[in-house]
Amino acid sequence: MCYLPTNRGLMYLSPIEHLWDHLGRRVRENHDVDDVRDLERALRVEWARIPLRVIRKLICSMRRRCLACNGGHTRY
């Protein structure tokens, strides 16, 4: 199995990291979570509520993110 060298700045290229951040903020803003069941329920509710525009914005930002990287850290 081949592995690519990792760079901490490259994690910012991943749209899923930004989507997880969005999801986490929505759960914290809209739900009181006392146990794992509450957390699972809140995650499912908020996942279903993620607007398509958020996903599209992340996808459309990939070109700009890749160009900004230049093999190093990004400002994102």
PDB file of N, CA and C in Angstrom:
ATOM      1  N   MET A   1       0.850  -1.171   0.000  1.00  0.00           N
ATOM      2  CA  MET A   1       0.000   0.000   0.000  1.00  0.00           C
ATOM      3  C   MET A   1       0.896   1.234   0.000  1.00  0.00           C
ATOM      4  N   CYS A   2       0.560   2.200  -0.817  1.00  0.00           N
ATOM      5  CA  CYS A   2       1.323   3.443  -0.900  1.00  0.00           C
ATOM      6  C   CYS A   2       0.656   4.518  -0.055  1.00  0.00           C
ATOM      7  N   TYR A   3       1.474   5.291   0.593  1.00  0.00           N
ATOM      8  CA  TYR A   3       0.974   6.413   1.372  1.00  0.00           C
ATOM      9  C   TYR A   3       1.572   7.700   0.835  1.00  0.00           C
ATOM     10  N   LEU A   4       0.769   8.727   0.795  1.00  0.00           N
ATOM     11  CA  LEU A   4       1.269  10.041   0.397  1.00  0.00           C
ATOM     12  C   LEU A   4       1.824  10.747   1.617  1.00  0.00           C
ATOM     13  N   PRO A   5       2.889  11.494   1.454  1.00  0.00           N
ATOM     14  CA  PRO A   5       3.380  12.270   2.593  1.00  0.00           C
ATOM     15  C   PRO A   5       2.303  13.266   3.031  1.00  0.00           C
ATOM     16  N   THR A   6       2.176  13.443   4.322  1.00  0.00           N
ATOM     17  CA  THR A   6       1.136  14.336   4.817  1.00  0.00           C
ATOM     18  C   THR A   6       1.718  15.689   5.172  1.00  0.00           C
ATOM     19  N   ASN A   7       0.868  16.658   5.122  1.00  0.00           N
ATOM     20  CA  ASN A   7       1.216  18.024   5.460  1.00  0.00           C
ATOM     21  C   ASN A   7       0.027  18.578   6.221  1.00  0.00           C
ATOM     22  N   ARG A   8       0.242  19.098   7.422  1.00  0.00           N
ATOM     23  CA  ARG A   8      -0.876  19.587   8.221  1.00  0.00           C
ATOM     24  C   ARG A   8      -1.716  20.608   7.464  1.00  0.00           C
ATOM     25  N   GLY A   9      -1.106  21.385   6.589  1.00  0.00           N
ATOM     26  CA  GLY A   9      -1.845  22.372   5.814  1.00  0.00           C
ATOM     27  C   GLY A   9      -2.809  21.744   4.835  1.00  0.00           C
ATOM     28  N   LEU A  10      -2.535  20.498   4.445  1.00  0.00           N
ATOM     29  CA  LEU A  10      -3.398  19.850   3.466  1.00  0.00           C
ATOM     30  C   LEU A  10      -4.753  19.452   4.035  1.00  0.00           C
ATOM     31  N   MET A  11      -4.847  19.316   5.361  1.00  0.00           N
ATOM     32  CA  MET A  11      -6.154  18.963   5.926  1.00  0.00           C
ATOM     33  C   MET A  11      -7.186  20.047   5.616  1.00  0.00           C
ATOM     34  N   TYR A  12      -6.721  21.265   5.411  1.00  0.00           N
ATOM     35  CA  TYR A  12      -7.639  22.357   5.105  1.00  0.00           C
ATOM     36  C   TYR A  12      -8.164  22.262   3.675  1.00  0.00           C
ATOM     37  N   LEU A  13      -7.569  21.407   2.878  1.00  0.00           N
ATOM     38  CA  LEU A  13      -8.060  21.207   1.516  1.00  0.00           C
ATOM     39  C   LEU A  13      -9.287  20.308   1.497  1.00  0.00           C
ATOM     40  N   SER A  14      -9.492  19.571   2.538  1.00  0.00           N
ATOM     41  CA  SER A  14     -10.583  18.600   2.573  1.00  0.00           C
ATOM     42  C   SER A  14     -11.908  19.269   2.907  1.00  0.00           C
ATOM     43  N   PRO A  15     -12.844  19.254   1.975  1.00  0.00           N
ATOM     44  CA  PRO A  15     -14.137  19.876   2.261  1.00  0.00           C
ATOM     45  C   PRO A  15     -14.880  19.174   3.396  1.00  0.00           C
ATOM     46  N   ILE A  16     -14.625  17.885   3.605  1.00  0.00           N
ATOM     47  CA  ILE A  16     -15.354  17.181   4.661  1.00  0.00           C
ATOM     48  C   ILE A  16     -15.001  17.738   6.037  1.00  0.00           C
ATOM     49  N   GLU A  17     -13.762  18.218   6.222  1.00  0.00           N
ATOM     50  CA  GLU A  17     -13.388  18.815   7.504  1.00  0.00           C
ATOM     51  C   GLU A  17     -14.237  20.054   7.786  1.00  0.00           C
ATOM     52  N   HIS A  18     -14.481  20.832   6.764  1.00  0.00           N
ATOM     53  CA  HIS A  18     -15.306  22.029   6.924  1.00  0.00           C
ATOM     54  C   HIS A  18     -16.770  21.657   7.130  1.00  0.00           C
ATOM     55  N   LEU A  19     -17.191  20.570   6.517  1.00  0.00           N
ATOM     56  CA  LEU A  19     -18.560  20.108   6.707  1.00  0.00           C
ATOM     57  C   LEU A  19     -18.755  19.593   8.134  1.00  0.00           C
ATOM     58  N   TRP A  20     -17.759  18.871   8.672  1.00  0.00           N
ATOM     59  CA  TRP A  20     -17.839  18.407  10.065  1.00  0.00           C
ATOM     60  C   TRP A  20     -17.901  19.610  11.007  1.00  0.00           C
ATOM     61  N   ASP A  21     -17.143  20.649  10.707  1.00  0.00           N
ATOM     62  CA  ASP A  21     -17.161  21.853  11.531  1.00  0.00           C
ATOM     63  C   ASP A  21     -18.549  22.486  11.524  1.00  0.00           C
ATOM     64  N   HIS A  22     -19.131  22.606  10.339  1.00  0.00           N
ATOM     65  CA  HIS A  22     -20.478  23.159  10.199  1.00  0.00           C
ATOM     66  C   HIS A  22     -21.474  22.330  11.017  1.00  0.00           C
ATOM     67  N   LEU A  23     -21.377  21.020  10.884  1.00  0.00           N
ATOM     68  CA  LEU A  23     -22.277  20.119  11.594  1.00  0.00           C
ATOM     69  C   LEU A  23     -22.114  20.270  13.108  1.00  0.00           C
ATOM     70  N   GLY A  24     -20.886  20.312  13.567  1.00  0.00           N
ATOM     71  CA  GLY A  24     -20.633  20.461  15.000  1.00  0.00           C
ATOM     72  C   GLY A  24     -21.185  21.757  15.563  1.00  0.00           C
ATOM     73  N   ARG A  25     -21.004  22.849  14.818  1.00  0.00           N
ATOM     74  CA  ARG A  25     -21.543  24.138  15.274  1.00  0.00           C
ATOM     75  C   ARG A  25     -23.054  24.090  15.369  1.00  0.00           C
ATOM     76  N   ARG A  26     -23.702  23.485  14.371  1.00  0.00           N
ATOM     77  CA  ARG A  26     -25.176  23.401  14.376  1.00  0.00           C
ATOM     78  C   ARG A  26     -25.681  22.554  15.556  1.00  0.00           C
ATOM     79  N   VAL A  27     -24.990  21.459  15.849  1.00  0.00           N
ATOM     80  CA  VAL A  27     -25.395  20.619  16.977  1.00  0.00           C
ATOM     81  C   VAL A  27     -25.251  21.405  18.281  1.00  0.00           C
ATOM     82  N   ARG A  28     -24.122  22.091  18.465  1.00  0.00           N
ATOM     83  CA  ARG A  28     -23.919  22.866  19.695  1.00  0.00           C
ATOM     84  C   ARG A  28     -24.936  23.998  19.838  1.00  0.00           C
ATOM     85  N   GLU A  29     -25.309  24.623  18.725  1.00  0.00           N
ATOM     86  CA  GLU A  29     -26.252  25.743  18.770  1.00  0.00           C
ATOM     87  C   GLU A  29     -27.685  25.306  19.032  1.00  0.00           C
ATOM     88  N   ASN A  30     -28.063  24.138  18.540  1.00  0.00           N
ATOM     89  CA  ASN A  30     -29.482  23.776  18.519  1.00  0.00           C
ATOM     90  C   ASN A  30     -29.891  22.604  19.398  1.00  0.00           C
ATOM     91  N   HIS A  31     -28.952  21.957  20.076  1.00  0.00           N
ATOM     92  CA  HIS A  31     -29.308  20.747  20.821  1.00  0.00           C
ATOM     93  C   HIS A  31     -28.602  20.706  22.172  1.00  0.00           C
ATOM     94  N   ASP A  32     -29.332  20.173  23.166  1.00  0.00           N
ATOM     95  CA  ASP A  32     -28.729  19.850  24.456  1.00  0.00           C
ATOM     96  C   ASP A  32     -28.401  18.365  24.412  1.00  0.00           C
ATOM     97  N   VAL A  33     -27.137  18.054  24.473  1.00  0.00           N
ATOM     98  CA  VAL A  33     -26.691  16.672  24.352  1.00  0.00           C
ATOM     99  C   VAL A  33     -26.206  16.201  25.712  1.00  0.00           C
ATOM    100  N   ASP A  34     -26.886  15.180  26.251  1.00  0.00           N
ATOM    101  CA  ASP A  34     -26.517  14.635  27.557  1.00  0.00           C
ATOM    102  C   ASP A  34     -25.860  13.268  27.467  1.00  0.00           C
ATOM    103  N   ASP A  35     -26.103  12.551  26.379  1.00  0.00           N
ATOM    104  CA  ASP A  35     -25.504  11.225  26.239  1.00  0.00           C
ATOM    105  C   ASP A  35     -25.299  10.903  24.760  1.00  0.00           C
ATOM    106  N   VAL A  36     -24.767   9.730  24.497  1.00  0.00           N
ATOM    107  CA  VAL A  36     -24.440   9.345  23.129  1.00  0.00           C
ATOM    108  C   VAL A  36     -25.697   9.265  22.263  1.00  0.00           C
ATOM    109  N   ARG A  37     -26.781   8.812  22.826  1.00  0.00           N
ATOM    110  CA  ARG A  37     -28.029   8.732  22.052  1.00  0.00           C
ATOM    111  C   ARG A  37     -28.508  10.121  21.624  1.00  0.00           C
ATOM    112  N   ASP A  38     -28.421  11.081  22.531  1.00  0.00           N
ATOM    113  CA  ASP A  38     -28.777  12.468  22.190  1.00  0.00           C
ATOM    114  C   ASP A  38     -27.871  12.996  21.086  1.00  0.00           C
ATOM    115  N   LEU A  39     -26.579  12.702  21.196  1.00  0.00           N
ATOM    116  CA  LEU A  39     -25.629  13.163  20.190  1.00  0.00           C
ATOM    117  C   LEU A  39     -25.937  12.556  18.828  1.00  0.00           C
ATOM    118  N   GLU A  40     -26.199  11.255  18.797  1.00  0.00           N
ATOM    119  CA  GLU A  40     -26.521  10.605  17.519  1.00  0.00           C
ATOM    120  C   GLU A  40     -27.781  11.205  16.903  1.00  0.00           C
ATOM    121  N   ARG A  41     -28.777  11.416  17.706  1.00  0.00           N
ATOM    122  CA  ARG A  41     -30.028  12.004  17.224  1.00  0.00           C
ATOM    123  C   ARG A  41     -29.788  13.414  16.678  1.00  0.00           C
ATOM    124  N   ALA A  42     -29.040  14.218  17.430  1.00  0.00           N
ATOM    125  CA  ALA A  42     -28.751  15.592  17.009  1.00  0.00           C
ATOM    126  C   ALA A  42     -27.954  15.610  15.714  1.00  0.00           C
ATOM    127  N   LEU A  43     -26.962  14.735  15.596  1.00  0.00           N
ATOM    128  CA  LEU A  43     -26.165  14.669  14.368  1.00  0.00           C
ATOM    129  C   LEU A  43     -27.018  14.295  13.168  1.00  0.00           C
ATOM    130  N   ARG A  44     -27.901  13.334  13.347  1.00  0.00           N
ATOM    131  CA  ARG A  44     -28.771  12.915  12.234  1.00  0.00           C
ATOM    132  C   ARG A  44     -29.703  14.045  11.806  1.00  0.00           C
ATOM    133  N   VAL A  45     -30.268  14.743  12.771  1.00  0.00           N
ATOM    134  CA  VAL A  45     -31.182  15.851  12.467  1.00  0.00           C
ATOM    135  C   VAL A  45     -30.435  16.954  11.720  1.00  0.00           C
ATOM    136  N   GLU A  46     -29.283  17.354  12.260  1.00  0.00           N
ATOM    137  CA  GLU A  46     -28.545  18.459  11.647  1.00  0.00           C
ATOM    138  C   GLU A  46     -27.923  18.067  10.314  1.00  0.00           C
ATOM    139  N   TRP A  47     -27.519  16.799  10.161  1.00  0.00           N
ATOM    140  CA  TRP A  47     -26.990  16.339   8.870  1.00  0.00           C
ATOM    141  C   TRP A  47     -28.057  16.495   7.791  1.00  0.00           C
ATOM    142  N   ALA A  48     -29.287  16.131   8.119  1.00  0.00           N
ATOM    143  CA  ALA A  48     -30.388  16.241   7.158  1.00  0.00           C
ATOM    144  C   ALA A  48     -30.715  17.698   6.839  1.00  0.00           C
ATOM    145  N   ARG A  49     -30.359  18.598   7.737  1.00  0.00           N
ATOM    146  CA  ARG A  49     -30.666  20.026   7.549  1.00  0.00           C
ATOM    147  C   ARG A  49     -29.556  20.806   6.852  1.00  0.00           C
ATOM    148  N   ILE A  50     -28.437  20.181   6.561  1.00  0.00           N
ATOM    149  CA  ILE A  50     -27.352  20.922   5.906  1.00  0.00           C
ATOM    150  C   ILE A  50     -27.848  21.392   4.547  1.00  0.00           C
ATOM    151  N   PRO A  51     -27.849  22.695   4.323  1.00  0.00           N
ATOM    152  CA  PRO A  51     -28.331  23.211   3.042  1.00  0.00           C
ATOM    153  C   PRO A  51     -27.400  22.798   1.894  1.00  0.00           C
ATOM    154  N   LEU A  52     -27.974  22.527   0.769  1.00  0.00           N
ATOM    155  CA  LEU A  52     -27.198  22.156  -0.408  1.00  0.00           C
ATOM    156  C   LEU A  52     -26.217  23.260  -0.784  1.00  0.00           C
ATOM    157  N   ARG A  53     -26.557  24.511  -0.503  1.00  0.00           N
ATOM    158  CA  ARG A  53     -25.669  25.625  -0.827  1.00  0.00           C
ATOM    159  C   ARG A  53     -24.359  25.527  -0.051  1.00  0.00           C
ATOM    160  N   VAL A  54     -24.383  24.997   1.176  1.00  0.00           N
ATOM    161  CA  VAL A  54     -23.156  24.821   1.965  1.00  0.00           C
ATOM    162  C   VAL A  54     -22.249  23.807   1.278  1.00  0.00           C
ATOM    163  N   ILE A  55     -22.813  22.708   0.832  1.00  0.00           N
ATOM    164  CA  ILE A  55     -22.044  21.666   0.156  1.00  0.00           C
ATOM    165  C   ILE A  55     -21.503  22.180  -1.169  1.00  0.00           C
ATOM    166  N   ARG A  56     -22.328  22.875  -1.917  1.00  0.00           N
ATOM    167  CA  ARG A  56     -21.878  23.435  -3.199  1.00  0.00           C
ATOM    168  C   ARG A  56     -20.757  24.446  -3.004  1.00  0.00           C
ATOM    169  N   LYS A  57     -20.875  25.273  -1.975  1.00  0.00           N
ATOM    170  CA  LYS A  57     -19.845  26.275  -1.702  1.00  0.00           C
ATOM    171  C   LYS A  57     -18.503  25.594  -1.413  1.00  0.00           C
ATOM    172  N   LEU A  58     -18.536  24.516  -0.636  1.00  0.00           N
ATOM    173  CA  LEU A  58     -17.301  23.794  -0.334  1.00  0.00           C
ATOM    174  C   LEU A  58     -16.701  23.169  -1.587  1.00  0.00           C
ATOM    175  N   ILE A  59     -17.537  22.592  -2.426  1.00  0.00           N
ATOM    176  CA  ILE A  59     -17.046  21.981  -3.661  1.00  0.00           C
ATOM    177  C   ILE A  59     -16.461  23.043  -4.582  1.00  0.00           C
ATOM    178  N   CYS A  60     -17.161  24.148  -4.723  1.00  0.00           N
ATOM    179  CA  CYS A  60     -16.691  25.215  -5.617  1.00  0.00           C
ATOM    180  C   CYS A  60     -15.420  25.885  -5.109  1.00  0.00           C
ATOM    181  N   SER A  61     -15.138  25.773  -3.824  1.00  0.00           N
ATOM    182  CA  SER A  61     -13.944  26.410  -3.272  1.00  0.00           C
ATOM    183  C   SER A  61     -12.684  25.562  -3.471  1.00  0.00           C
ATOM    184  N   MET A  62     -12.806  24.336  -3.948  1.00  0.00           N
ATOM    185  CA  MET A  62     -11.651  23.447  -4.051  1.00  0.00           C
ATOM    186  C   MET A  62     -10.563  23.985  -4.977  1.00  0.00           C
ATOM    187  N   ARG A  63     -10.915  24.532  -6.102  1.00  0.00           N
ATOM    188  CA  ARG A  63      -9.904  25.060  -7.013  1.00  0.00           C
ATOM    189  C   ARG A  63      -9.082  26.156  -6.333  1.00  0.00           C
ATOM    190  N   ARG A  64      -9.771  27.069  -5.675  1.00  0.00           N
ATOM    191  CA  ARG A  64      -9.097  28.165  -4.985  1.00  0.00           C
ATOM    192  C   ARG A  64      -8.198  27.620  -3.866  1.00  0.00           C
ATOM    193  N   ARG A  65      -8.669  26.619  -3.132  1.00  0.00           N
ATOM    194  CA  ARG A  65      -7.880  26.023  -2.053  1.00  0.00           C
ATOM    195  C   ARG A  65      -6.617  25.360  -2.587  1.00  0.00           C
ATOM    196  N   CYS A  66      -6.769  24.623  -3.680  1.00  0.00           N
ATOM    197  CA  CYS A  66      -5.616  23.934  -4.270  1.00  0.00           C
ATOM    198  C   CYS A  66      -4.579  24.939  -4.775  1.00  0.00           C
ATOM    199  N   LEU A  67      -5.043  26.005  -5.407  1.00  0.00           N
ATOM    200  CA  LEU A  67      -4.120  27.013  -5.914  1.00  0.00           C
ATOM    201  C   LEU A  67      -3.425  27.760  -4.774  1.00  0.00           C
ATOM    202  N   ALA A  68      -4.124  27.951  -3.671  1.00  0.00           N
ATOM    203  CA  ALA A  68      -3.554  28.677  -2.537  1.00  0.00           C
ATOM    204  C   ALA A  68      -2.525  27.842  -1.786  1.00  0.00           C
ATOM    205  N   CYS A  69      -2.602  26.546  -1.917  1.00  0.00           N
ATOM    206  CA  CYS A  69      -1.742  25.655  -1.141  1.00  0.00           C
ATOM    207  C   CYS A  69      -0.277  25.748  -1.542  1.00  0.00           C
ATOM    208  N   ASN A  70       0.016  25.622  -2.823  1.00  0.00           N
ATOM    209  CA  ASN A  70       1.398  25.683  -3.317  1.00  0.00           C
ATOM    210  C   ASN A  70       2.352  24.795  -2.540  1.00  0.00           C
ATOM    211  N   GLY A  71       1.853  23.653  -2.075  1.00  0.00           N
ATOM    212  CA  GLY A  71       2.715  22.712  -1.378  1.00  0.00           C
ATOM    213  C   GLY A  71       2.972  23.040   0.079  1.00  0.00           C
ATOM    214  N   GLY A  72       2.324  24.048   0.614  1.00  0.00           N
ATOM    215  CA  GLY A  72       2.544  24.415   2.012  1.00  0.00           C
ATOM    216  C   GLY A  72       1.239  24.674   2.721  1.00  0.00           C
ATOM    217  N   HIS A  73       1.319  25.439   3.783  1.00  0.00           N
ATOM    218  CA  HIS A  73       0.121  25.759   4.564  1.00  0.00           C
ATOM    219  C   HIS A  73      -0.738  26.784   3.825  1.00  0.00           C
ATOM    220  N   THR A  74      -2.027  26.730   4.086  1.00  0.00           N
ATOM    221  CA  THR A  74      -2.941  27.698   3.481  1.00  0.00           C
ATOM    222  C   THR A  74      -3.473  28.622   4.560  1.00  0.00           C
ATOM    223  N   ARG A  75      -4.139  29.659   4.151  1.00  0.00           N
ATOM    224  CA  ARG A  75      -4.732  30.577   5.125  1.00  0.00           C
ATOM    225  C   ARG A  75      -6.144  30.130   5.518  1.00  0.00           C
ATOM    226  N   TYR A  76      -6.613  29.008   4.980  1.00  0.00           N
ATOM    227  CA  TYR A  76      -7.960  28.537   5.288  1.00  0.00           C
ATOM    228  C   TYR A  76      -8.020  27.840   6.595  1.00  0.00           C
TER     229      TYR A  76
END
